[in-house]
PDB file of N, CA and C in Angstrom:
ATOM      1  N   MET A   1     -21.899  -3.866   4.237  1.00  0.00           N
ATOM      2  CA  MET A   1     -21.280  -3.657   2.950  1.00  0.00           C
ATOM      3  C   MET A   1     -21.190  -5.001   2.236  1.00  0.00           C
ATOM      4  N   PRO A   2     -21.680  -5.103   0.988  1.00  0.00           N
ATOM      5  CA  PRO A   2     -21.603  -6.366   0.266  1.00  0.00           C
ATOM      6  C   PRO A   2     -20.151  -6.729  -0.024  1.00  0.00           C
ATOM      7  N   LYS A   3     -19.870  -8.009   0.053  1.00  0.00           N
ATOM      8  CA  LYS A   3     -18.517  -8.486  -0.202  1.00  0.00           C
ATOM      9  C   LYS A   3     -18.272  -8.548  -1.705  1.00  0.00           C
ATOM     10  N   LYS A   4     -17.130  -8.014  -2.136  1.00  0.00           N
ATOM     11  CA  LYS A   4     -16.754  -8.055  -3.540  1.00  0.00           C
ATOM     12  C   LYS A   4     -16.223  -9.447  -3.854  1.00  0.00           C
ATOM     13  N   THR A   5     -16.563  -9.962  -5.006  1.00  0.00           N
ATOM     14  CA  THR A   5     -16.078 -11.286  -5.379  1.00  0.00           C
ATOM     15  C   THR A   5     -14.682 -11.203  -5.976  1.00  0.00           C
ATOM     16  N   GLU A   6     -14.347 -10.091  -6.568  1.00  0.00           N
ATOM     17  CA  GLU A   6     -13.019  -9.914  -7.133  1.00  0.00           C
ATOM     18  C   GLU A   6     -12.439  -8.593  -6.667  1.00  0.00           C
ATOM     19  N   GLY A   7     -11.166  -8.614  -6.363  1.00  0.00           N
ATOM     20  CA  GLY A   7     -10.476  -7.388  -6.007  1.00  0.00           C
ATOM     21  C   GLY A   7      -9.738  -6.848  -7.212  1.00  0.00           C
ATOM     22  N   PRO A   8      -9.160  -5.685  -7.063  1.00  0.00           N
ATOM     23  CA  PRO A   8      -8.348  -5.116  -8.131  1.00  0.00           C
ATOM     24  C   PRO A   8      -7.134  -5.996  -8.420  1.00  0.00           C
ATOM     25  N   THR A   9      -6.560  -5.827  -9.575  1.00  0.00           N
ATOM     26  CA  THR A   9      -5.367  -6.574  -9.956  1.00  0.00           C
ATOM     27  C   THR A   9      -4.133  -5.791  -9.528  1.00  0.00           C
ATOM     28  N   PHE A  10      -3.223  -6.471  -8.836  1.00  0.00           N
ATOM     29  CA  PHE A  10      -2.005  -5.855  -8.338  1.00  0.00           C
ATOM     30  C   PHE A  10      -0.806  -6.714  -8.706  1.00  0.00           C
ATOM     31  N   GLY A  11       0.379  -6.127  -8.553  1.00  0.00           N
ATOM     32  CA  GLY A  11       1.612  -6.879  -8.642  1.00  0.00           C
ATOM     33  C   GLY A  11       1.784  -7.676  -7.361  1.00  0.00           C
ATOM     34  N   PRO A  12       2.895  -8.406  -7.229  1.00  0.00           N
ATOM     35  CA  PRO A  12       3.087  -9.260  -6.055  1.00  0.00           C
ATOM     36  C   PRO A  12       3.025  -8.532  -4.708  1.00  0.00           C
ATOM     37  N   THR A  13       3.645  -7.385  -4.596  1.00  0.00           N
ATOM     38  CA  THR A  13       3.660  -6.665  -3.319  1.00  0.00           C
ATOM     39  C   THR A  13       2.278  -6.133  -2.980  1.00  0.00           C
ATOM     40  N   GLY A  14       1.632  -5.515  -3.943  1.00  0.00           N
ATOM     41  CA  GLY A  14       0.279  -4.998  -3.725  1.00  0.00           C
ATOM     42  C   GLY A  14      -0.714  -6.106  -3.426  1.00  0.00           C
ATOM     43  N   ALA A  15      -0.593  -7.218  -4.138  1.00  0.00           N
ATOM     44  CA  ALA A  15      -1.505  -8.348  -3.925  1.00  0.00           C
ATOM     45  C   ALA A  15      -1.352  -8.918  -2.520  1.00  0.00           C
ATOM     46  N   ALA A  16      -0.118  -8.996  -2.038  1.00  0.00           N
ATOM     47  CA  ALA A  16       0.119  -9.526  -0.697  1.00  0.00           C
ATOM     48  C   ALA A  16      -0.514  -8.626   0.366  1.00  0.00           C
ATOM     49  N   LEU A  17      -0.342  -7.316   0.218  1.00  0.00           N
ATOM     50  CA  LEU A  17      -0.931  -6.396   1.186  1.00  0.00           C
ATOM     51  C   LEU A  17      -2.452  -6.434   1.115  1.00  0.00           C
ATOM     52  N   PHE A  18      -2.988  -6.461  -0.098  1.00  0.00           N
ATOM     53  CA  PHE A  18      -4.441  -6.504  -0.265  1.00  0.00           C
ATOM     54  C   PHE A  18      -5.013  -7.747   0.414  1.00  0.00           C
ATOM     55  N   ALA A  19      -4.369  -8.889   0.190  1.00  0.00           N
ATOM     56  CA  ALA A  19      -4.839 -10.131   0.805  1.00  0.00           C
ATOM     57  C   ALA A  19      -4.772 -10.037   2.322  1.00  0.00           C
ATOM     58  N   GLN A  20      -3.710  -9.457   2.842  1.00  0.00           N
ATOM     59  CA  GLN A  20      -3.534  -9.335   4.291  1.00  0.00           C
ATOM     60  C   GLN A  20      -4.696  -8.588   4.927  1.00  0.00           C
ATOM     61  N   TYR A  21      -5.120  -7.490   4.307  1.00  0.00           N
ATOM     62  CA  TYR A  21      -6.175  -6.675   4.896  1.00  0.00           C
ATOM     63  C   TYR A  21      -7.573  -7.090   4.439  1.00  0.00           C
ATOM     64  N   ALA A  22      -7.773  -7.285   3.159  1.00  0.00           N
ATOM     65  CA  ALA A  22      -9.113  -7.535   2.628  1.00  0.00           C
ATOM     66  C   ALA A  22      -9.682  -8.868   3.098  1.00  0.00           C
ATOM     67  N   GLU A  23      -8.829  -9.848   3.297  1.00  0.00           N
ATOM     68  CA  GLU A  23      -9.315 -11.151   3.733  1.00  0.00           C
ATOM     69  C   GLU A  23      -9.545 -11.197   5.238  1.00  0.00           C
ATOM     70  N   GLN A  24      -8.887 -10.340   5.989  1.00  0.00           N
ATOM     71  CA  GLN A  24      -8.978 -10.398   7.441  1.00  0.00           C
ATOM     72  C   GLN A  24      -9.973  -9.392   8.025  1.00  0.00           C
ATOM     73  N   TYR A  25     -10.162  -8.259   7.354  1.00  0.00           N
ATOM     74  CA  TYR A  25     -10.979  -7.189   7.926  1.00  0.00           C
ATOM     75  C   TYR A  25     -12.150  -6.824   7.035  1.00  0.00           C
ATOM     76  N   GLU A  26     -13.241  -6.438   7.673  1.00  0.00           N
ATOM     77  CA  GLU A  26     -14.364  -5.821   6.976  1.00  0.00           C
ATOM     78  C   GLU A  26     -14.131  -4.320   7.039  1.00  0.00           C
ATOM     79  N   MET A  27     -14.066  -3.670   5.891  1.00  0.00           N
ATOM     80  CA  MET A  27     -13.733  -2.248   5.863  1.00  0.00           C
ATOM     81  C   MET A  27     -14.842  -1.428   5.229  1.00  0.00           C
ATOM     82  N   GLU A  28     -14.902  -0.192   5.663  1.00  0.00           N
ATOM     83  CA  GLU A  28     -15.776   0.773   5.008  1.00  0.00           C
ATOM     84  C   GLU A  28     -15.168   1.113   3.659  1.00  0.00           C
ATOM     85  N   ALA A  29     -15.969   1.693   2.773  1.00  0.00           N
ATOM     86  CA  ALA A  29     -15.515   1.998   1.419  1.00  0.00           C
ATOM     87  C   ALA A  29     -14.295   2.916   1.410  1.00  0.00           C
ATOM     88  N   SER A  30     -14.262   3.898   2.291  1.00  0.00           N
ATOM     89  CA  SER A  30     -13.123   4.827   2.313  1.00  0.00           C
ATOM     90  C   SER A  30     -11.840   4.116   2.733  1.00  0.00           C
ATOM     91  N   ASP A  31     -11.938   3.182   3.660  1.00  0.00           N
ATOM     92  CA  ASP A  31     -10.768   2.426   4.092  1.00  0.00           C
ATOM     93  C   ASP A  31     -10.321   1.457   2.999  1.00  0.00           C
ATOM     94  N   HIS A  32     -11.290   0.876   2.307  1.00  0.00           N
ATOM     95  CA  HIS A  32     -10.972  -0.013   1.184  1.00  0.00           C
ATOM     96  C   HIS A  32     -10.237   0.770   0.095  1.00  0.00           C
ATOM     97  N   ALA A  33     -10.684   1.988  -0.173  1.00  0.00           N
ATOM     98  CA  ALA A  33     -10.015   2.835  -1.174  1.00  0.00           C
ATOM     99  C   ALA A  33      -8.578   3.141  -0.750  1.00  0.00           C
ATOM    100  N   LEU A  34      -8.364   3.406   0.536  1.00  0.00           N
ATOM    101  CA  LEU A  34      -7.013   3.633   1.048  1.00  0.00           C
ATOM    102  C   LEU A  34      -6.151   2.394   0.835  1.00  0.00           C
ATOM    103  N   LEU A  35      -6.700   1.229   1.104  1.00  0.00           N
ATOM    104  CA  LEU A  35      -5.967  -0.018   0.897  1.00  0.00           C
ATOM    105  C   LEU A  35      -5.587  -0.191  -0.574  1.00  0.00           C
ATOM    106  N   VAL A  36      -6.527   0.038  -1.476  1.00  0.00           N
ATOM    107  CA  VAL A  36      -6.262  -0.099  -2.907  1.00  0.00           C
ATOM    108  C   VAL A  36      -5.152   0.855  -3.344  1.00  0.00           C
ATOM    109  N   GLU A  37      -5.231   2.098  -2.913  1.00  0.00           N
ATOM    110  CA  GLU A  37      -4.210   3.075  -3.302  1.00  0.00           C
ATOM    111  C   GLU A  37      -2.850   2.738  -2.702  1.00  0.00           C
ATOM    112  N   THR A  38      -2.838   2.199  -1.498  1.00  0.00           N
ATOM    113  CA  THR A  38      -1.576   1.785  -0.887  1.00  0.00           C
ATOM    114  C   THR A  38      -0.952   0.641  -1.678  1.00  0.00           C
ATOM    115  N   CYS A  39      -1.766  -0.307  -2.086  1.00  0.00           N
ATOM    116  CA  CYS A  39      -1.273  -1.424  -2.906  1.00  0.00           C
ATOM    117  C   CYS A  39      -0.702  -0.912  -4.224  1.00  0.00           C
ATOM    118  N   ARG A  40      -1.382   0.018  -4.848  1.00  0.00           N
ATOM    119  CA  ARG A  40      -0.892   0.594  -6.108  1.00  0.00           C
ATOM    120  C   ARG A  40       0.421   1.336  -5.894  1.00  0.00           C
ATOM    121  N   THR A  41       0.533   2.051  -4.792  1.00  0.00           N
ATOM    122  CA  THR A  41       1.772   2.770  -4.486  1.00  0.00           C
ATOM    123  C   THR A  41       2.930   1.794  -4.320  1.00  0.00           C
ATOM    124  N   LEU A  42       2.711   0.719  -3.579  1.00  0.00           N
ATOM    125  CA  LEU A  42       3.772  -0.279  -3.384  1.00  0.00           C
ATOM    126  C   LEU A  42       4.182  -0.930  -4.700  1.00  0.00           C
ATOM    127  N   ASP A  43       3.214  -1.194  -5.557  1.00  0.00           N
ATOM    128  CA  ASP A  43       3.542  -1.768  -6.868  1.00  0.00           C
ATOM    129  C   ASP A  43       4.329  -0.785  -7.729  1.00  0.00           C
ATOM    130  N   LEU A  44       3.979   0.492  -7.655  1.00  0.00           N
ATOM    131  CA  LEU A  44       4.732   1.507  -8.394  1.00  0.00           C
ATOM    132  C   LEU A  44       6.169   1.575  -7.896  1.00  0.00           C
ATOM    133  N   ILE A  45       6.365   1.477  -6.607  1.00  0.00           N
ATOM    134  CA  ILE A  45       7.717   1.472  -6.045  1.00  0.00           C
ATOM    135  C   ILE A  45       8.506   0.285  -6.603  1.00  0.00           C
ATOM    136  N   ASP A  46       7.877  -0.870  -6.703  1.00  0.00           N
ATOM    137  CA  ASP A  46       8.545  -2.043  -7.284  1.00  0.00           C
ATOM    138  C   ASP A  46       8.982  -1.773  -8.721  1.00  0.00           C
ATOM    139  N   ILE A  47       8.121  -1.133  -9.488  1.00  0.00           N
ATOM    140  CA  ILE A  47       8.441  -0.812 -10.886  1.00  0.00           C
ATOM    141  C   ILE A  47       9.602   0.177 -10.952  1.00  0.00           C
ATOM    142  N   LEU A  48       9.547   1.209 -10.128  1.00  0.00           N
ATOM    143  CA  LEU A  48      10.618   2.206 -10.104  1.00  0.00           C
ATOM    144  C   LEU A  48      11.937   1.578  -9.666  1.00  0.00           C
ATOM    145  N   ASP A  49      11.886   0.720  -8.645  1.00  0.00           N
ATOM    146  CA  ASP A  49      13.097   0.050  -8.178  1.00  0.00           C
ATOM    147  C   ASP A  49      13.690  -0.859  -9.256  1.00  0.00           C
ATOM    148  N   ALA A  50      12.835  -1.524 -10.013  1.00  0.00           N
ATOM    149  CA  ALA A  50      13.328  -2.382 -11.102  1.00  0.00           C
ATOM    150  C   ALA A  50      14.047  -1.542 -12.156  1.00  0.00           C
ATOM    151  N   ASP A  51      13.501  -0.370 -12.456  1.00  0.00           N
ATOM    152  CA  ASP A  51      14.143   0.528 -13.414  1.00  0.00           C
ATOM    153  C   ASP A  51      15.498   0.996 -12.892  1.00  0.00           C
ATOM    154  N   ILE A  52      15.561   1.327 -11.618  1.00  0.00           N
ATOM    155  CA  ILE A  52      16.823   1.782 -11.018  1.00  0.00           C
ATOM    156  C   ILE A  52      17.853   0.661 -11.045  1.00  0.00           C
ATOM    157  N   THR A  53      17.416  -0.549 -10.735  1.00  0.00           N
ATOM    158  CA  THR A  53      18.321  -1.701 -10.761  1.00  0.00           C
ATOM    159  C   THR A  53      18.855  -1.934 -12.170  1.00  0.00           C
ATOM    160  N   GLU A  54      17.988  -1.822 -13.154  1.00  0.00           N
ATOM    161  CA  GLU A  54      18.374  -2.072 -14.543  1.00  0.00           C
ATOM    162  C   GLU A  54      19.224  -0.952 -15.133  1.00  0.00           C
ATOM    163  N   ASN A  55      18.884   0.290 -14.841  1.00  0.00           N
ATOM    164  CA  ASN A  55      19.517   1.429 -15.505  1.00  0.00           C
ATOM    165  C   ASN A  55      20.432   2.256 -14.611  1.00  0.00           C
ATOM    166  N   GLY A  56      20.481   1.921 -13.319  1.00  0.00           N
ATOM    167  CA  GLY A  56      21.330   2.656 -12.387  1.00  0.00           C
ATOM    168  C   GLY A  56      20.660   3.912 -11.868  1.00  0.00           C
ATOM    169  N   PRO A  57      21.165   4.445 -10.765  1.00  0.00           N
ATOM    170  CA  PRO A  57      20.561   5.628 -10.160  1.00  0.00           C
ATOM    171  C   PRO A  57      21.004   6.951 -10.792  1.00  0.00           C
ATOM    172  N   LEU A  58      22.085   6.929 -11.566  1.00  0.00           N
ATOM    173  CA  LEU A  58      22.626   8.167 -12.145  1.00  0.00           C
ATOM    174  C   LEU A  58      22.457   8.191 -13.657  1.00  0.00           C
ATOM    175  N   ASP A  59      22.315   9.407 -14.201  1.00  0.00           N
ATOM    176  CA  ASP A  59      22.244   9.545 -15.649  1.00  0.00           C
ATOM    177  C   ASP A  59      23.650   9.645 -16.233  1.00  0.00           C
ATOM    178  N   GLU A  60      23.728   9.865 -17.536  1.00  0.00           N
ATOM    179  CA  GLU A  60      25.039   9.928 -18.199  1.00  0.00           C
ATOM    180  C   GLU A  60      25.904  11.088 -17.736  1.00  0.00           C
ATOM    181  N   GLU A  61      25.282  12.085 -17.142  1.00  0.00           N
ATOM    182  CA  GLU A  61      26.028  13.235 -16.613  1.00  0.00           C
ATOM    183  C   GLU A  61      26.403  13.063 -15.141  1.00  0.00           C
ATOM    184  N   GLY A  62      26.046  11.922 -14.558  1.00  0.00           N
ATOM    185  CA  GLY A  62      26.361  11.666 -13.159  1.00  0.00           C
ATOM    186  C   GLY A  62      25.368  12.254 -12.177  1.00  0.00           C
ATOM    187  N   LYS A  63      24.235  12.718 -12.692  1.00  0.00           N
ATOM    188  CA  LYS A  63      23.197  13.279 -11.815  1.00  0.00           C
ATOM    189  C   LYS A  63      22.181  12.196 -11.460  1.00  0.00           C
ATOM    190  N   VAL A  64      21.566  12.361 -10.311  1.00  0.00           N
ATOM    191  CA  VAL A  64      20.540  11.413  -9.881  1.00  0.00           C
ATOM    192  C   VAL A  64      19.371  11.469 -10.864  1.00  0.00           C
ATOM    193  N   ARG A  65      18.973  10.303 -11.348  1.00  0.00           N
ATOM    194  CA  ARG A  65      17.858  10.221 -12.305  1.00  0.00           C
ATOM    195  C   ARG A  65      16.540  10.549 -11.616  1.00  0.00           C
ATOM    196  N   SER A  66      15.612  11.064 -12.382  1.00  0.00           N
ATOM    197  CA  SER A  66      14.304  11.443 -11.819  1.00  0.00           C
ATOM    198  C   SER A  66      13.555  10.240 -11.257  1.00  0.00           C
ATOM    199  N   VAL A  67      13.815   9.053 -11.788  1.00  0.00           N
ATOM    200  CA  VAL A  67      13.144   7.855 -11.274  1.00  0.00           C
ATOM    201  C   VAL A  67      13.554   7.584  -9.817  1.00  0.00           C
ATOM    202  N   VAL A  68      14.776   7.938  -9.449  1.00  0.00           N
ATOM    203  CA  VAL A  68      15.230   7.767  -8.071  1.00  0.00           C
ATOM    204  C   VAL A  68      14.467   8.729  -7.161  1.00  0.00           C
ATOM    205  N   GLN A  69      14.316   9.951  -7.609  1.00  0.00           N
ATOM    206  CA  GLN A  69      13.576  10.941  -6.827  1.00  0.00           C
ATOM    207  C   GLN A  69      12.115  10.532  -6.682  1.00  0.00           C
ATOM    208  N   GLU A  70      11.541  10.014  -7.759  1.00  0.00           N
ATOM    209  CA  GLU A  70      10.140   9.574  -7.705  1.00  0.00           C
ATOM    210  C   GLU A  70       9.983   8.380  -6.757  1.00  0.00           C
ATOM    211  N   ALA A  71      10.921   7.459  -6.793  1.00  0.00           N
ATOM    212  CA  ALA A  71      10.869   6.297  -5.894  1.00  0.00           C
ATOM    213  C   ALA A  71      10.930   6.765  -4.435  1.00  0.00           C
ATOM    214  N   ARG A  72      11.807   7.710  -4.167  1.00  0.00           N
ATOM    215  CA  ARG A  72      11.928   8.261  -2.818  1.00  0.00           C
ATOM    216  C   ARG A  72      10.619   8.921  -2.379  1.00  0.00           C
ATOM    217  N   PHE A  73      10.015   9.670  -3.278  1.00  0.00           N
ATOM    218  CA  PHE A  73       8.748  10.341  -2.994  1.00  0.00           C
ATOM    219  C   PHE A  73       7.646   9.310  -2.725  1.00  0.00           C
ATOM    220  N   GLN A  74       7.569   8.290  -3.569  1.00  0.00           N
ATOM    221  CA  GLN A  74       6.540   7.260  -3.406  1.00  0.00           C
ATOM    222  C   GLN A  74       6.724   6.482  -2.104  1.00  0.00           C
ATOM    223  N   ARG A  75       7.961   6.269  -1.681  1.00  0.00           N
ATOM    224  CA  ARG A  75       8.209   5.591  -0.403  1.00  0.00           C
ATOM    225  C   ARG A  75       7.645   6.406   0.764  1.00  0.00           C
ATOM    226  N   GLY A  76       7.805   7.717   0.698  1.00  0.00           N
ATOM    227  CA  GLY A  76       7.235   8.575   1.734  1.00  0.00           C
ATOM    228  C   GLY A  76       5.721   8.469   1.784  1.00  0.00           C
ATOM    229  N   ILE A  77       5.099   8.448   0.616  1.00  0.00           N
ATOM    230  CA  ILE A  77       3.643   8.289   0.547  1.00  0.00           C
ATOM    231  C   ILE A  77       3.237   6.929   1.097  1.00  0.00           C
ATOM    232  N   ALA A  78       3.957   5.889   0.693  1.00  0.00           N
ATOM    233  CA  ALA A  78       3.627   4.532   1.140  1.00  0.00           C
ATOM    234  C   ALA A  78       3.717   4.413   2.654  1.00  0.00           C
ATOM    235  N   LEU A  79       4.732   5.006   3.251  1.00  0.00           N
ATOM    236  CA  LEU A  79       4.863   4.946   4.706  1.00  0.00           C
ATOM    237  C   LEU A  79       3.672   5.605   5.400  1.00  0.00           C
ATOM    238  N   LYS A  80       3.221   6.718   4.865  1.00  0.00           N
ATOM    239  CA  LYS A  80       2.051   7.393   5.439  1.00  0.00           C
ATOM    240  C   LYS A  80       0.793   6.539   5.269  1.00  0.00           C
ATOM    241  N   GLN A  81       0.641   5.952   4.081  1.00  0.00           N
ATOM    242  CA  GLN A  81      -0.528   5.113   3.828  1.00  0.00           C
ATOM    243  C   GLN A  81      -0.529   3.882   4.735  1.00  0.00           C
ATOM    244  N   LEU A  82       0.621   3.236   4.845  1.00  0.00           N
ATOM    245  CA  LEU A  82       0.719   2.046   5.697  1.00  0.00           C
ATOM    246  C   LEU A  82       0.454   2.392   7.159  1.00  0.00           C
ATOM    247  N   ASN A  83       0.951   3.532   7.588  1.00  0.00           N
ATOM    248  CA  ASN A  83       0.695   3.982   8.959  1.00  0.00           C
ATOM    249  C   ASN A  83      -0.804   4.180   9.184  1.00  0.00           C
ATOM    250  N   GLN A  84      -1.469   4.766   8.216  1.00  0.00           N
ATOM    251  CA  GLN A  84      -2.908   4.994   8.348  1.00  0.00           C
ATOM    252  C   GLN A  84      -3.664   3.663   8.384  1.00  0.00           C
ATOM    253  N   LEU A  85      -3.268   2.708   7.546  1.00  0.00           N
ATOM    254  CA  LEU A  85      -3.912   1.394   7.573  1.00  0.00           C
ATOM    255  C   LEU A  85      -3.707   0.708   8.917  1.00  0.00           C
ATOM    256  N   GLU A  86      -2.509   0.772   9.443  1.00  0.00           N
ATOM    257  CA  GLU A  86      -2.230   0.148  10.741  1.00  0.00           C
ATOM    258  C   GLU A  86      -3.025   0.810  11.853  1.00  0.00           C
ATOM    259  N   ARG A  87      -3.102   2.131  11.838  1.00  0.00           N
ATOM    260  CA  ARG A  87      -3.865   2.845  12.865  1.00  0.00           C
ATOM    261  C   ARG A  87      -5.331   2.468  12.801  1.00  0.00           C
ATOM    262  N   LEU A  88      -5.887   2.393  11.609  1.00  0.00           N
ATOM    263  CA  LEU A  88      -7.305   2.080  11.474  1.00  0.00           C
ATOM    264  C   LEU A  88      -7.611   0.641  11.854  1.00  0.00           C
ATOM    265  N   SER A  89      -6.660  -0.249  11.620  1.00  0.00           N
ATOM    266  CA  SER A  89      -6.896  -1.658  11.938  1.00  0.00           C
ATOM    267  C   SER A  89      -6.646  -1.957  13.403  1.00  0.00           C
ATOM    268  N   GLY A  90      -5.986  -1.037  14.116  1.00  0.00           N
ATOM    269  CA  GLY A  90      -5.677  -1.269  15.508  1.00  0.00           C
ATOM    270  C   GLY A  90      -4.488  -2.191  15.702  1.00  0.00           C
ATOM    271  N   GLU A  91      -3.731  -2.472  14.640  1.00  0.00           N
ATOM    272  CA  GLU A  91      -2.615  -3.409  14.706  1.00  0.00           C
ATOM    273  C   GLU A  91      -1.423  -2.871  15.487  1.00  0.00           C
ATOM    274  N   THR A  92      -1.384  -1.590  15.772  1.00  0.00           N
ATOM    275  CA  THR A  92      -0.230  -1.014  16.456  1.00  0.00           C
ATOM    276  C   THR A  92      -0.340  -1.133  17.976  1.00  0.00           C
ATOM    277  N   GLY A  93      -1.418  -1.704  18.474  1.00  0.00           N
ATOM    278  CA  GLY A  93      -1.602  -1.813  19.911  1.00  0.00           C
ATOM    279  C   GLY A  93      -2.412  -0.656  20.470  1.00  0.00           C
ATOM    280  N   THR A  94      -2.464   0.443  19.733  1.00  0.00           N
ATOM    281  CA  THR A  94      -3.321   1.559  20.112  1.00  0.00           C
ATOM    282  C   THR A  94      -4.154   1.904  18.892  1.00  0.00           C
ATOM    283  N   ASN A  95      -5.294   2.447  19.124  1.00  0.00           N
ATOM    284  CA  ASN A  95      -6.138   2.823  18.000  1.00  0.00           C
ATOM    285  C   ASN A  95      -6.314   4.325  18.015  1.00  0.00           C
ATOM    286  N   LEU A  96      -5.527   4.990  17.204  1.00  0.00           N
ATOM    287  CA  LEU A  96      -5.592   6.435  17.134  1.00  0.00           C
ATOM    288  C   LEU A  96      -6.593   6.915  16.103  1.00  0.00           C
ATOM    289  N   GLY A  97      -7.129   5.979  15.317  1.00  0.00           N
ATOM    290  CA  GLY A  97      -8.079   6.339  14.276  1.00  0.00           C
ATOM    291  C   GLY A  97      -9.420   6.734  14.870  1.00  0.00           C
ATOM    292  N   ALA A  98     -10.086   7.679  14.228  1.00  0.00           N
ATOM    293  CA  ALA A  98     -11.358   8.178  14.734  1.00  0.00           C
ATOM    294  C   ALA A  98     -12.488   7.179  14.520  1.00  0.00           C
ATOM    295  N   ARG A  99     -12.346   6.285  13.547  1.00  0.00           N
ATOM    296  CA  ARG A  99     -13.438   5.378  13.220  1.00  0.00           C
ATOM    297  C   ARG A  99     -13.390   4.083  14.005  1.00  0.00           C
ATOM    298  N   GLY A 100     -12.338   3.871  14.766  1.00  0.00           N
ATOM    299  CA  GLY A 100     -12.229   2.631  15.526  1.00  0.00           C
ATOM    300  C   GLY A 100     -11.580   1.540  14.704  1.00  0.00           C
ATOM    301  N   ALA A 101     -11.374   0.410  15.338  1.00  0.00           N
ATOM    302  CA  ALA A 101     -10.696  -0.707  14.680  1.00  0.00           C
ATOM    303  C   ALA A 101     -11.616  -1.361  13.662  1.00  0.00           C
ATOM    304  N   TYR A 102     -11.014  -1.978  12.664  1.00  0.00           N
ATOM    305  CA  TYR A 102     -11.782  -2.764  11.721  1.00  0.00           C
ATOM    306  C   TYR A 102     -12.357  -3.957  12.465  1.00  0.00           C
ATOM    307  N   ASN A 103     -13.439  -4.463  11.964  1.00  0.00           N
ATOM    308  CA  ASN A 103     -13.983  -5.712  12.509  1.00  0.00           C
ATOM    309  C   ASN A 103     -13.278  -6.864  11.825  1.00  0.00           C
ATOM    310  N   ILE A 104     -12.873  -7.844  12.594  1.00  0.00           N
ATOM    311  CA  ILE A 104     -12.235  -9.023  12.018  1.00  0.00           C
ATOM    312  C   ILE A 104     -13.321  -9.863  11.379  1.00  0.00           C
ATOM    313  N   ARG A 105     -13.057 -10.359  10.177  1.00  0.00           N
ATOM    314  CA  ARG A 105     -14.030 -11.166   9.459  1.00  0.00           C
ATOM    315  C   ARG A 105     -14.291 -12.462  10.207  1.00  0.00           C
ATOM    316  N   SER A 106     -15.523 -12.881  10.160  1.00  0.00           N
ATOM    317  CA  SER A 106     -15.857 -14.164  10.753  1.00  0.00           C
ATOM    318  C   SER A 106     -15.466 -15.271   9.786  1.00  0.00           C
ATOM    319  N   VAL A 107     -14.992 -16.357  10.321  1.00  0.00           N
ATOM    320  CA  VAL A 107     -14.579 -17.498   9.509  1.00  0.00           C
ATOM    321  C   VAL A 107     -15.758 -18.427   9.370  1.00  0.00           C
ATOM    322  N   GLY A 108     -15.958 -18.872   8.133  1.00  0.00           N
ATOM    323  CA  GLY A 108     -17.006 -19.876   7.949  1.00  0.00           C
ATOM    324  C   GLY A 108     -18.042 -19.381   7.105  1.00  0.00           C
TER     325      GLY A 108
END
């Protein structure tokens, strides 16, 4: 697979995760897509959390705002995505993924 010279643009959390995986592992296109979507999910959580911090978790009627529910939903997705990335990379000590561990990039 040819190496991309530029990756997608992410916020701080997504960029950190992307760097962790993209710089260390050679991935198939489907795994790279999973990584990109996981980074986007984490960045969305950051945006939702910032809104909750700024505007509070409750609306004027004292009900939980929809942004809180969305943040909770996105966290569940992120946990599943992160679990899948860890399984595929073999970082958990066992490799439950069907495709095997990622190859570690050669240095130099």
